[in-house]
């Protein structure tokens, strides 16, 4: 009986230790294990729409932000990080959905809401309302918001690099 099992196993692709060209889920999990926790939570948030990862990413980004801007109120830090990640996830224009064009009858036209960029622009006024803080305060924090967006983009890029390298997609 055991000889028959050996023959059956040897006839499958699992018997060989040769590298295959197929990528399996375990390969992606192993590659993801080499990425930063914040980066993976950002990826799961944006590309997997995982709400638990979103909350973890807000917490982790808040720690990084607080390390850089030590005098910021803890409640405000959480709100800023929540808003920055939300903007990063929902980055496309709500009018054209990022396509840069809208249809007017049978004609295509450049989207006027985003001026053809496909990107949703958040104004200081919108941010102040969403964060429930004064317009003046949000204007003073413009540089910090840019830093948050740049940091999130760098984390996204680093995860992309690690995944590509480990999954041999370069």
N, C-alpha and C. Protein backbone atom coordinates (compact mmCIF):
# COMPACT_ATOMS: atom_id res chain seq x y z
N UNK A 1 0.81 -1.19 0.00
CA UNK A 1 0.00 0.00 0.00
C UNK A 1 0.86 1.25 0.00
N UNK A 2 1.93 1.27 0.79
CA UNK A 2 2.77 2.47 0.85
C UNK A 2 3.52 2.68 -0.46
N UNK A 3 3.85 1.62 -1.17
CA UNK A 3 4.51 1.79 -2.47
C UNK A 3 3.58 2.47 -3.46
N UNK A 4 2.31 2.13 -3.42
CA UNK A 4 1.35 2.78 -4.30
C UNK A 4 1.22 4.27 -3.98
N UNK A 5 1.25 4.61 -2.68
CA UNK A 5 1.18 6.02 -2.29
C UNK A 5 2.41 6.77 -2.79
N UNK A 6 3.58 6.13 -2.68
CA UNK A 6 4.81 6.77 -3.16
C UNK A 6 4.73 7.02 -4.66
N UNK A 7 4.25 6.02 -5.40
CA UNK A 7 4.13 6.17 -6.86
C UNK A 7 3.14 7.29 -7.21
N UNK A 8 2.03 7.33 -6.48
CA UNK A 8 1.02 8.36 -6.75
C UNK A 8 1.61 9.75 -6.45
N UNK A 9 2.36 9.87 -5.35
CA UNK A 9 2.96 11.15 -4.99
C UNK A 9 4.04 11.54 -5.99
N UNK A 10 4.84 10.59 -6.40
CA UNK A 10 5.93 10.87 -7.35
C UNK A 10 5.39 11.34 -8.69
N UNK A 11 4.18 10.96 -9.01
CA UNK A 11 3.59 11.36 -10.28
C UNK A 11 3.02 12.78 -10.26
N UNK A 12 2.99 13.41 -9.10
CA UNK A 12 2.47 14.78 -9.02
C UNK A 12 3.60 15.79 -9.14
N UNK A 13 3.26 17.02 -9.31
CA UNK A 13 4.26 18.09 -9.39
C UNK A 13 4.90 18.37 -8.04
N UNK A 14 4.32 17.87 -6.95
CA UNK A 14 4.84 18.14 -5.61
C UNK A 14 6.10 17.34 -5.31
N UNK A 15 6.38 16.33 -6.05
CA UNK A 15 7.53 15.48 -5.78
C UNK A 15 8.84 16.16 -6.15
N UNK A 16 8.80 17.12 -7.00
CA UNK A 16 10.02 17.76 -7.48
C UNK A 16 10.35 18.99 -6.65
N UNK A 17 11.61 19.26 -6.46
CA UNK A 17 12.05 20.46 -5.77
C UNK A 17 12.41 21.56 -6.76
N UNK A 18 12.16 21.33 -8.02
CA UNK A 18 12.49 22.33 -9.04
C UNK A 18 11.58 23.55 -8.90
N UNK A 19 12.14 24.71 -9.23
CA UNK A 19 11.36 25.95 -9.18
C UNK A 19 10.36 25.97 -10.31
N UNK A 20 9.18 26.36 -10.01
CA UNK A 20 8.15 26.50 -11.02
C UNK A 20 7.94 27.97 -11.34
N UNK A 21 7.16 28.23 -12.34
CA UNK A 21 6.90 29.62 -12.70
C UNK A 21 5.59 30.12 -12.12
N UNK A 22 4.87 29.26 -11.42
CA UNK A 22 3.60 29.69 -10.86
C UNK A 22 3.84 30.29 -9.48
N UNK A 23 3.13 31.35 -9.22
CA UNK A 23 3.21 32.03 -7.93
C UNK A 23 2.01 31.56 -7.11
N UNK A 24 2.29 31.12 -5.91
CA UNK A 24 1.22 30.62 -5.04
C UNK A 24 0.96 31.63 -3.93
N UNK A 25 -0.14 31.43 -3.25
CA UNK A 25 -0.50 32.34 -2.15
C UNK A 25 0.57 32.35 -1.07
N UNK A 26 1.17 31.19 -0.80
CA UNK A 26 2.21 31.12 0.23
C UNK A 26 3.43 31.98 -0.17
N UNK A 27 3.69 32.11 -1.46
CA UNK A 27 4.79 32.96 -1.91
C UNK A 27 4.49 34.43 -1.58
N UNK A 28 3.26 34.84 -1.79
CA UNK A 28 2.88 36.23 -1.48
C UNK A 28 2.90 36.48 0.02
N UNK A 29 2.47 35.49 0.81
CA UNK A 29 2.50 35.63 2.27
C UNK A 29 3.94 35.75 2.75
N UNK A 30 4.83 34.94 2.21
CA UNK A 30 6.24 35.00 2.61
C UNK A 30 6.85 36.34 2.23
N UNK A 31 6.54 36.84 1.05
CA UNK A 31 7.06 38.14 0.62
C UNK A 31 6.51 39.26 1.51
N UNK A 32 5.24 39.17 1.86
CA UNK A 32 4.62 40.18 2.71
C UNK A 32 5.25 40.19 4.10
N UNK A 33 5.71 39.05 4.56
CA UNK A 33 6.37 38.96 5.86
C UNK A 33 7.67 39.73 5.93
N UNK A 34 8.22 40.10 4.81
CA UNK A 34 9.48 40.85 4.77
C UNK A 34 9.24 42.36 4.70
N UNK A 35 7.98 42.77 4.69
CA UNK A 35 7.62 44.19 4.61
C UNK A 35 7.36 44.74 6.00
N UNK A 36 7.38 46.06 6.11
CA UNK A 36 7.06 46.68 7.40
C UNK A 36 5.59 46.45 7.73
N UNK A 37 5.30 46.42 9.01
CA UNK A 37 3.92 46.19 9.43
C UNK A 37 3.01 47.34 8.99
N UNK A 38 3.50 48.57 9.13
CA UNK A 38 2.71 49.72 8.69
C UNK A 38 2.46 49.65 7.19
N UNK A 39 3.49 49.35 6.42
CA UNK A 39 3.34 49.26 4.97
C UNK A 39 2.31 48.21 4.57
N UNK A 40 2.35 47.06 5.21
CA UNK A 40 1.38 46.00 4.87
C UNK A 40 -0.03 46.39 5.30
N UNK A 41 -0.16 47.06 6.44
CA UNK A 41 -1.50 47.51 6.84
C UNK A 41 -2.04 48.55 5.87
N UNK A 42 -1.17 49.43 5.36
CA UNK A 42 -1.61 50.39 4.35
C UNK A 42 -2.05 49.66 3.09
N UNK A 43 -1.28 48.65 2.67
CA UNK A 43 -1.65 47.89 1.47
C UNK A 43 -2.98 47.17 1.66
N UNK A 44 -3.15 46.51 2.81
CA UNK A 44 -4.40 45.80 3.06
C UNK A 44 -5.58 46.77 3.09
N UNK A 45 -5.31 47.98 3.58
CA UNK A 45 -6.37 49.00 3.63
C UNK A 45 -6.77 49.43 2.23
N UNK A 46 -5.79 49.79 1.42
CA UNK A 46 -6.11 50.34 0.10
C UNK A 46 -6.51 49.28 -0.91
N UNK A 47 -5.77 48.21 -0.97
CA UNK A 47 -5.99 47.23 -2.03
C UNK A 47 -6.89 46.08 -1.60
N UNK A 48 -7.06 45.89 -0.29
CA UNK A 48 -7.93 44.83 0.19
C UNK A 48 -9.16 45.36 0.90
N UNK A 49 -9.24 46.68 1.04
CA UNK A 49 -10.36 47.34 1.71
C UNK A 49 -10.63 46.72 3.08
N UNK A 50 -9.57 46.48 3.84
CA UNK A 50 -9.65 45.85 5.15
C UNK A 50 -9.74 46.93 6.23
N UNK A 51 -10.88 47.01 6.92
CA UNK A 51 -11.10 48.07 7.90
C UNK A 51 -10.24 47.89 9.16
N UNK A 52 -9.95 46.67 9.55
CA UNK A 52 -9.09 46.43 10.72
C UNK A 52 -7.67 46.93 10.41
N UNK A 53 -7.19 46.67 9.22
CA UNK A 53 -5.86 47.15 8.82
C UNK A 53 -5.84 48.67 8.76
N UNK A 54 -6.96 49.27 8.38
CA UNK A 54 -7.05 50.74 8.36
C UNK A 54 -6.83 51.29 9.76
N UNK A 55 -7.51 50.73 10.75
CA UNK A 55 -7.37 51.21 12.13
C UNK A 55 -5.97 50.97 12.66
N UNK A 56 -5.39 49.83 12.33
CA UNK A 56 -4.00 49.55 12.74
C UNK A 56 -3.03 50.53 12.09
N UNK A 57 -3.26 50.82 10.82
CA UNK A 57 -2.39 51.76 10.11
C UNK A 57 -2.49 53.16 10.73
N UNK A 58 -3.69 53.56 11.12
CA UNK A 58 -3.86 54.86 11.78
C UNK A 58 -3.06 54.89 13.08
N UNK A 59 -3.15 53.83 13.87
CA UNK A 59 -2.40 53.76 15.13
C UNK A 59 -0.90 53.80 14.88
N UNK A 60 -0.42 53.01 13.93
CA UNK A 60 1.01 52.95 13.65
C UNK A 60 1.54 54.26 13.07
N UNK A 61 0.78 54.86 12.18
CA UNK A 61 1.18 56.14 11.61
C UNK A 61 1.16 57.23 12.67
N UNK A 62 0.23 57.15 13.62
CA UNK A 62 0.17 58.12 14.71
C UNK A 62 1.43 58.07 15.56
N UNK A 63 1.95 56.87 15.78
CA UNK A 63 3.19 56.72 16.55
C UNK A 63 4.36 57.37 15.80
N UNK A 64 4.45 57.13 14.50
CA UNK A 64 5.51 57.72 13.69
C UNK A 64 5.39 59.25 13.68
N UNK A 65 4.18 59.73 13.47
CA UNK A 65 3.92 61.18 13.43
C UNK A 65 4.26 61.82 14.77
N UNK A 66 3.85 61.20 15.87
CA UNK A 66 4.14 61.73 17.20
C UNK A 66 5.63 61.76 17.49
N UNK A 67 6.36 60.83 16.93
CA UNK A 67 7.81 60.85 17.08
C UNK A 67 8.46 62.02 16.36
N UNK A 68 7.86 62.43 15.28
CA UNK A 68 8.39 63.56 14.50
C UNK A 68 7.90 64.90 15.04
N UNK A 69 6.61 64.98 15.37
CA UNK A 69 6.00 66.21 15.88
C UNK A 69 5.55 65.95 17.32
N UNK A 70 6.46 66.09 18.25
CA UNK A 70 6.24 65.68 19.64
C UNK A 70 5.23 66.53 20.40
N UNK A 71 5.03 67.77 20.02
CA UNK A 71 4.16 68.67 20.79
C UNK A 71 2.70 68.61 20.36
N UNK A 72 2.39 67.80 19.39
CA UNK A 72 1.02 67.73 18.87
C UNK A 72 0.11 67.00 19.85
N UNK A 73 -1.11 67.48 19.99
CA UNK A 73 -2.13 66.87 20.83
C UNK A 73 -2.45 65.46 20.31
N UNK A 74 -2.48 64.47 21.19
CA UNK A 74 -2.68 63.08 20.80
C UNK A 74 -4.00 62.87 20.04
N UNK A 75 -5.06 63.55 20.47
CA UNK A 75 -6.35 63.41 19.80
C UNK A 75 -6.26 63.94 18.37
N UNK A 76 -5.58 65.06 18.20
CA UNK A 76 -5.42 65.64 16.87
C UNK A 76 -4.55 64.76 15.98
N UNK A 77 -3.52 64.14 16.55
CA UNK A 77 -2.64 63.25 15.78
C UNK A 77 -3.45 62.11 15.17
N UNK A 78 -4.30 61.49 15.96
CA UNK A 78 -5.13 60.40 15.45
C UNK A 78 -6.04 60.86 14.32
N UNK A 79 -6.64 62.05 14.49
CA UNK A 79 -7.51 62.60 13.45
C UNK A 79 -6.74 62.89 12.17
N UNK A 80 -5.55 63.48 12.31
CA UNK A 80 -4.74 63.80 11.13
C UNK A 80 -4.35 62.53 10.37
N UNK A 81 -3.91 61.53 11.10
CA UNK A 81 -3.49 60.27 10.45
C UNK A 81 -4.68 59.58 9.81
N UNK A 82 -5.82 59.60 10.48
CA UNK A 82 -7.05 59.03 9.91
C UNK A 82 -7.38 59.73 8.60
N UNK A 83 -7.33 61.06 8.60
CA UNK A 83 -7.65 61.83 7.40
C UNK A 83 -6.64 61.58 6.28
N UNK A 84 -5.36 61.56 6.63
CA UNK A 84 -4.32 61.35 5.60
C UNK A 84 -4.47 59.99 4.92
N UNK A 85 -4.71 58.96 5.70
CA UNK A 85 -4.89 57.62 5.11
C UNK A 85 -6.17 57.58 4.30
N UNK A 86 -7.23 58.21 4.80
CA UNK A 86 -8.49 58.25 4.06
C UNK A 86 -8.31 58.92 2.70
N UNK A 87 -7.57 60.03 2.67
CA UNK A 87 -7.31 60.72 1.42
C UNK A 87 -6.46 59.88 0.48
N UNK A 88 -5.50 59.15 1.03
CA UNK A 88 -4.65 58.30 0.21
C UNK A 88 -5.45 57.16 -0.41
N UNK A 89 -6.37 56.59 0.36
CA UNK A 89 -7.20 55.49 -0.15
C UNK A 89 -8.17 56.00 -1.21
N UNK A 90 -8.82 57.13 -0.93
CA UNK A 90 -9.83 57.70 -1.84
C UNK A 90 -9.21 58.86 -2.62
N UNK A 91 -8.21 58.55 -3.41
CA UNK A 91 -7.44 59.60 -4.08
C UNK A 91 -8.03 60.04 -5.42
N UNK A 92 -9.00 59.32 -5.92
CA UNK A 92 -9.51 59.65 -7.25
C UNK A 92 -10.67 60.65 -7.18
N UNK A 93 -10.75 61.45 -8.20
CA UNK A 93 -11.81 62.44 -8.35
C UNK A 93 -13.16 61.74 -8.27
N UNK A 94 -14.07 62.30 -7.51
CA UNK A 94 -15.38 61.67 -7.36
C UNK A 94 -16.28 61.89 -8.58
N UNK A 95 -15.97 62.87 -9.40
CA UNK A 95 -16.78 63.14 -10.59
C UNK A 95 -16.45 62.17 -11.72
N UNK A 96 -15.15 62.00 -12.02
CA UNK A 96 -14.76 61.15 -13.15
C UNK A 96 -14.20 59.80 -12.72
N UNK A 97 -14.11 59.56 -11.42
CA UNK A 97 -13.56 58.31 -10.86
C UNK A 97 -12.14 58.05 -11.32
N UNK A 98 -11.38 59.12 -11.55
CA UNK A 98 -9.99 58.99 -11.93
C UNK A 98 -9.74 58.82 -13.41
N UNK A 99 -10.78 58.80 -14.23
CA UNK A 99 -10.60 58.59 -15.67
C UNK A 99 -10.16 59.86 -16.40
N UNK A 100 -10.29 61.00 -15.74
CA UNK A 100 -9.90 62.31 -16.29
C UNK A 100 -10.87 62.88 -17.31
N UNK A 101 -11.86 62.10 -17.66
CA UNK A 101 -12.84 62.54 -18.67
C UNK A 101 -14.25 62.24 -18.17
N UNK A 102 -15.19 63.01 -18.67
CA UNK A 102 -16.61 62.76 -18.39
C UNK A 102 -17.35 62.77 -19.72
N UNK A 103 -18.47 62.10 -19.75
CA UNK A 103 -19.28 62.05 -20.97
C UNK A 103 -20.38 63.10 -20.88
N UNK A 104 -20.53 63.86 -21.93
CA UNK A 104 -21.65 64.80 -22.10
C UNK A 104 -22.39 64.36 -23.36
N UNK A 105 -23.41 63.56 -23.15
CA UNK A 105 -24.10 62.98 -24.30
C UNK A 105 -23.19 61.97 -24.97
N UNK A 106 -22.86 62.21 -26.23
CA UNK A 106 -21.96 61.33 -26.98
C UNK A 106 -20.52 61.84 -26.99
N UNK A 107 -20.27 62.97 -26.36
CA UNK A 107 -18.95 63.59 -26.38
C UNK A 107 -18.19 63.38 -25.08
N UNK A 108 -16.90 63.12 -25.21
CA UNK A 108 -16.03 63.05 -24.05
C UNK A 108 -15.45 64.44 -23.81
N UNK A 109 -15.37 64.82 -22.56
CA UNK A 109 -14.80 66.12 -22.21
C UNK A 109 -13.87 65.96 -21.01
N UNK A 110 -12.92 66.84 -20.88
CA UNK A 110 -12.02 66.82 -19.73
C UNK A 110 -12.84 67.16 -18.49
N UNK A 111 -12.63 66.41 -17.44
CA UNK A 111 -13.36 66.61 -16.19
C UNK A 111 -13.00 67.99 -15.61
N UNK A 112 -14.00 68.79 -15.35
CA UNK A 112 -13.75 70.13 -14.80
C UNK A 112 -13.52 70.09 -13.29
N UNK A 113 -14.01 69.06 -12.62
CA UNK A 113 -13.84 68.97 -11.17
C UNK A 113 -12.38 68.79 -10.78
N UNK A 114 -11.63 68.02 -11.58
CA UNK A 114 -10.22 67.76 -11.26
C UNK A 114 -9.28 68.38 -12.28
N UNK A 115 -9.83 69.11 -13.24
CA UNK A 115 -9.05 69.73 -14.32
C UNK A 115 -8.27 68.69 -15.12
N UNK A 116 -8.84 67.50 -15.24
CA UNK A 116 -8.23 66.45 -16.05
C UNK A 116 -7.10 65.69 -15.39
N UNK A 117 -6.90 65.88 -14.09
CA UNK A 117 -5.82 65.16 -13.40
C UNK A 117 -6.25 63.79 -12.90
N UNK A 118 -7.54 63.61 -12.66
CA UNK A 118 -8.04 62.35 -12.13
C UNK A 118 -7.89 62.23 -10.63
N UNK A 119 -7.29 63.24 -10.01
CA UNK A 119 -7.00 63.21 -8.58
C UNK A 119 -7.96 64.12 -7.82
N UNK A 120 -8.44 63.64 -6.72
CA UNK A 120 -9.32 64.46 -5.88
C UNK A 120 -8.46 65.39 -5.03
N UNK A 121 -8.74 66.65 -5.07
CA UNK A 121 -8.03 67.65 -4.28
C UNK A 121 -8.88 67.98 -3.05
N UNK A 122 -8.28 67.87 -1.91
CA UNK A 122 -8.95 68.22 -0.67
C UNK A 122 -8.53 69.63 -0.28
N UNK A 123 -9.48 70.50 -0.06
CA UNK A 123 -9.16 71.87 0.32
C UNK A 123 -8.96 71.94 1.83
N UNK A 124 -8.31 73.01 2.27
CA UNK A 124 -8.14 73.23 3.71
C UNK A 124 -9.48 73.35 4.40
N UNK A 125 -10.44 73.95 3.72
CA UNK A 125 -11.77 74.11 4.30
C UNK A 125 -12.43 72.74 4.52
N UNK A 126 -12.33 71.85 3.52
CA UNK A 126 -12.89 70.50 3.67
C UNK A 126 -12.22 69.76 4.82
N UNK A 127 -10.89 69.85 4.87
CA UNK A 127 -10.15 69.17 5.94
C UNK A 127 -10.54 69.71 7.30
N UNK A 128 -10.66 71.02 7.42
CA UNK A 128 -11.03 71.63 8.71
C UNK A 128 -12.39 71.12 9.16
N UNK A 129 -13.33 71.03 8.22
CA UNK A 129 -14.66 70.52 8.56
C UNK A 129 -14.60 69.05 8.97
N UNK A 130 -13.86 68.23 8.20
CA UNK A 130 -13.77 66.80 8.48
C UNK A 130 -13.08 66.53 9.82
N UNK A 131 -12.10 67.36 10.16
CA UNK A 131 -11.34 67.16 11.40
C UNK A 131 -11.93 67.93 12.58
N UNK A 132 -12.92 68.75 12.32
CA UNK A 132 -13.54 69.59 13.36
C UNK A 132 -12.51 70.48 14.06
N UNK A 133 -11.68 71.13 13.25
CA UNK A 133 -10.72 72.09 13.78
C UNK A 133 -10.84 73.38 12.98
N UNK A 134 -10.21 74.42 13.46
CA UNK A 134 -10.34 75.72 12.80
C UNK A 134 -9.60 75.74 11.46
N UNK A 135 -10.11 76.57 10.58
CA UNK A 135 -9.50 76.74 9.26
C UNK A 135 -8.06 77.23 9.40
N UNK A 136 -7.84 78.16 10.33
CA UNK A 136 -6.49 78.69 10.57
C UNK A 136 -5.52 77.59 10.96
N UNK A 137 -5.96 76.72 11.85
CA UNK A 137 -5.09 75.64 12.34
C UNK A 137 -4.73 74.67 11.21
N UNK A 138 -5.69 74.34 10.38
CA UNK A 138 -5.40 73.39 9.30
C UNK A 138 -4.48 74.02 8.27
N UNK A 139 -4.60 75.31 8.05
CA UNK A 139 -3.69 76.01 7.11
C UNK A 139 -2.26 75.99 7.63
N UNK A 140 -2.10 76.16 8.94
CA UNK A 140 -0.76 76.13 9.54
C UNK A 140 -0.16 74.72 9.46
N UNK A 141 -1.01 73.71 9.36
CA UNK A 141 -0.54 72.33 9.35
C UNK A 141 -0.33 71.78 7.94
N UNK A 142 -0.36 72.62 6.93
CA UNK A 142 -0.22 72.17 5.54
C UNK A 142 1.04 71.35 5.30
N UNK A 143 2.15 71.81 5.86
CA UNK A 143 3.41 71.09 5.70
C UNK A 143 3.38 69.72 6.36
N UNK A 144 2.71 69.64 7.48
CA UNK A 144 2.61 68.35 8.18
C UNK A 144 1.73 67.37 7.40
N UNK A 145 0.70 67.90 6.78
CA UNK A 145 -0.15 67.05 5.94
C UNK A 145 0.64 66.53 4.75
N UNK A 146 1.43 67.41 4.13
CA UNK A 146 2.27 66.97 3.00
C UNK A 146 3.25 65.90 3.46
N UNK A 147 3.84 66.09 4.64
CA UNK A 147 4.78 65.10 5.16
C UNK A 147 4.07 63.76 5.35
N UNK A 148 2.85 63.78 5.92
CA UNK A 148 2.09 62.54 6.10
C UNK A 148 1.83 61.84 4.77
N UNK A 149 1.39 62.60 3.78
CA UNK A 149 1.12 62.02 2.46
C UNK A 149 2.39 61.45 1.84
N UNK A 150 3.49 62.17 1.95
CA UNK A 150 4.76 61.68 1.41
C UNK A 150 5.21 60.41 2.13
N UNK A 151 5.05 60.39 3.45
CA UNK A 151 5.45 59.22 4.23
C UNK A 151 4.63 57.99 3.83
N UNK A 152 3.33 58.18 3.70
CA UNK A 152 2.45 57.07 3.29
C UNK A 152 2.85 56.58 1.90
N UNK A 153 3.12 57.49 0.99
CA UNK A 153 3.53 57.09 -0.37
C UNK A 153 4.86 56.35 -0.36
N UNK A 154 5.79 56.79 0.49
CA UNK A 154 7.08 56.08 0.60
C UNK A 154 6.87 54.66 1.12
N UNK A 155 6.00 54.51 2.13
CA UNK A 155 5.72 53.18 2.67
C UNK A 155 5.10 52.28 1.60
N UNK A 156 4.20 52.82 0.83
CA UNK A 156 3.57 52.08 -0.27
C UNK A 156 4.63 51.64 -1.27
N UNK A 157 5.52 52.54 -1.63
CA UNK A 157 6.59 52.21 -2.58
C UNK A 157 7.55 51.16 -2.05
N UNK A 158 7.88 51.24 -0.76
CA UNK A 158 8.78 50.26 -0.16
C UNK A 158 8.16 48.86 -0.17
N UNK A 159 6.88 48.77 0.15
CA UNK A 159 6.20 47.47 0.11
C UNK A 159 6.19 46.94 -1.32
N UNK A 160 5.91 47.82 -2.26
CA UNK A 160 5.90 47.41 -3.66
C UNK A 160 7.27 46.87 -4.07
N UNK A 161 8.33 47.55 -3.67
CA UNK A 161 9.70 47.10 -4.01
C UNK A 161 10.01 45.74 -3.39
N UNK A 162 9.68 45.58 -2.11
CA UNK A 162 9.96 44.30 -1.43
C UNK A 162 9.17 43.17 -2.07
N UNK A 163 7.90 43.41 -2.34
CA UNK A 163 7.06 42.37 -2.95
C UNK A 163 7.59 42.00 -4.34
N UNK A 164 7.93 43.00 -5.14
CA UNK A 164 8.43 42.73 -6.49
C UNK A 164 9.74 41.94 -6.45
N UNK A 165 10.63 42.35 -5.56
CA UNK A 165 11.92 41.67 -5.47
C UNK A 165 11.74 40.23 -5.01
N UNK A 166 10.91 40.00 -4.00
CA UNK A 166 10.74 38.66 -3.45
C UNK A 166 9.89 37.76 -4.32
N UNK A 167 9.06 38.34 -5.15
CA UNK A 167 8.25 37.53 -6.06
C UNK A 167 8.87 37.51 -7.47
N UNK A 168 10.09 38.02 -7.56
CA UNK A 168 10.88 38.01 -8.79
C UNK A 168 10.11 38.61 -9.96
N UNK A 169 9.56 39.79 -9.72
CA UNK A 169 8.80 40.49 -10.75
C UNK A 169 9.58 41.66 -11.34
N UNK A 170 10.81 41.80 -10.96
CA UNK A 170 11.60 42.94 -11.45
C UNK A 170 12.01 42.77 -12.88
